[in-house]
Amino acid sequence: MGFIAFIVLGLIAGAIAKAIMPGEQGGGWFVTMILGVVGAILGGWLGSLLLNVSLGGFFDLRSWLLAIVGSLIVLGIWGAVTGRKRV
């Protein structure tokens, strides 16, 4: 997967994770984009480390699931660090 495709995957995964995560996490669209890209990196790393599954192509379901799960983890950590309440 190319660099631009990876960035786009992270951006979309961050938006999906923010829609899935209950409560208000704070941060605007820029923070969501950054957290999505970081989450995609984390998801790919955890997938290769724990599940022996790596990020495939842009349209690979495993890539999307790993990126979204990674974004959920990063968004949860962001909410805990910034002290936002979750409903």
Protein backbone atom coordinates (compact mmCIF):
# COMPACT_ATOMS: atom_id res chain seq x y z
CA MET A 1 0.00 0.00 0.00
CA GLY A 2 1.36 3.41 -0.91
CA PHE A 3 1.97 6.27 1.47
CA ILE A 4 -0.99 8.34 0.26
CA ALA A 5 -3.33 5.34 0.44
CA PHE A 6 -2.13 4.66 3.99
CA ILE A 7 -2.85 8.29 4.99
CA VAL A 8 -6.32 8.14 3.43
CA LEU A 9 -7.00 4.83 5.18
CA GLY A 10 -5.99 6.38 8.50
CA LEU A 11 -8.15 9.45 7.95
CA ILE A 12 -11.24 7.41 7.16
CA ALA A 13 -10.54 4.94 9.99
CA GLY A 14 -10.26 7.85 12.43
CA ALA A 15 -13.62 9.22 11.34
CA ILE A 16 -15.24 5.79 11.66
CA ALA A 17 -13.68 5.24 15.10
CA LYS A 18 -14.93 8.63 16.30
CA ALA A 19 -18.44 7.72 15.09
CA ILE A 20 -18.27 4.35 16.89
CA MET A 21 -16.78 5.63 20.17
CA PRO A 22 -19.51 6.82 22.57
CA GLY A 23 -19.28 10.22 24.22
CA GLU A 24 -17.38 13.33 23.24
CA GLN A 25 -13.65 12.88 22.78
CA GLY A 26 -12.82 16.50 22.05
CA GLY A 27 -10.54 17.70 19.34
CA GLY A 28 -11.64 18.79 15.93
CA TRP A 29 -11.31 17.28 12.51
CA PHE A 30 -7.54 17.81 12.45
CA VAL A 31 -7.03 15.88 15.70
CA THR A 32 -9.33 13.14 14.41
CA MET A 33 -7.24 12.84 11.25
CA ILE A 34 -3.96 12.65 13.18
CA LEU A 35 -5.38 10.10 15.63
CA GLY A 36 -6.72 8.04 12.72
CA VAL A 37 -3.32 7.88 11.04
CA VAL A 38 -1.62 7.02 14.35
CA GLY A 39 -4.34 4.43 14.97
CA ALA A 40 -3.77 2.85 11.56
CA ILE A 41 -0.07 2.58 12.34
CA LEU A 42 -0.82 1.09 15.77
CA GLY A 43 -3.40 -1.32 14.32
CA GLY A 44 -0.97 -2.53 11.67
CA TRP A 45 1.79 -2.97 14.23
CA LEU A 46 -0.44 -4.84 16.71
CA GLY A 47 -1.90 -6.99 13.94
CA SER A 48 1.54 -8.06 12.76
CA LEU A 49 2.83 -8.56 16.30
CA LEU A 50 -0.08 -10.39 17.93
CA LEU A 51 -2.07 -11.91 15.08
CA ASN A 52 0.63 -12.35 12.43
CA VAL A 53 -1.58 -10.34 10.06
CA SER A 54 -0.22 -7.35 8.22
CA LEU A 55 -1.88 -4.47 6.45
CA GLY A 56 -2.66 -5.57 2.92
CA GLY A 57 -4.02 -3.47 0.11
CA PHE A 58 -6.28 -0.47 0.45
CA PHE A 59 -9.40 -2.51 -0.30
CA ASP A 60 -8.44 -5.41 1.98
CA LEU A 61 -10.94 -5.92 4.83
CA ARG A 62 -8.13 -6.85 7.25
CA SER A 63 -6.46 -3.49 6.64
CA TRP A 64 -9.64 -1.63 7.43
CA LEU A 65 -10.40 -3.65 10.57
CA LEU A 66 -6.87 -3.26 11.92
CA ALA A 67 -6.89 0.48 11.20
CA ILE A 68 -10.28 1.00 12.84
CA VAL A 69 -9.38 -1.05 15.94
CA GLY A 70 -6.10 0.83 16.23
CA SER A 71 -7.93 4.13 15.88
CA LEU A 72 -10.41 3.12 18.60
CA ILE A 73 -7.50 2.33 20.93
CA VAL A 74 -5.77 5.63 20.20
CA LEU A 75 -9.05 7.55 20.55
CA GLY A 76 -9.71 5.88 23.91
CA ILE A 77 -6.24 6.82 25.12
CA TRP A 78 -6.75 10.37 23.83
CA GLY A 79 -10.02 10.63 25.78
CA ALA A 80 -8.36 9.34 28.95
CA VAL A 81 -5.40 11.71 28.63
CA THR A 82 -7.46 14.80 27.87
CA GLY A 83 -9.94 13.97 30.65
CA ARG A 84 -13.07 13.98 28.53
CA LYS A 85 -16.10 12.22 29.98
CA ARG A 86 -17.49 9.23 28.14
CA VAL A 87 -21.21 8.69 28.22
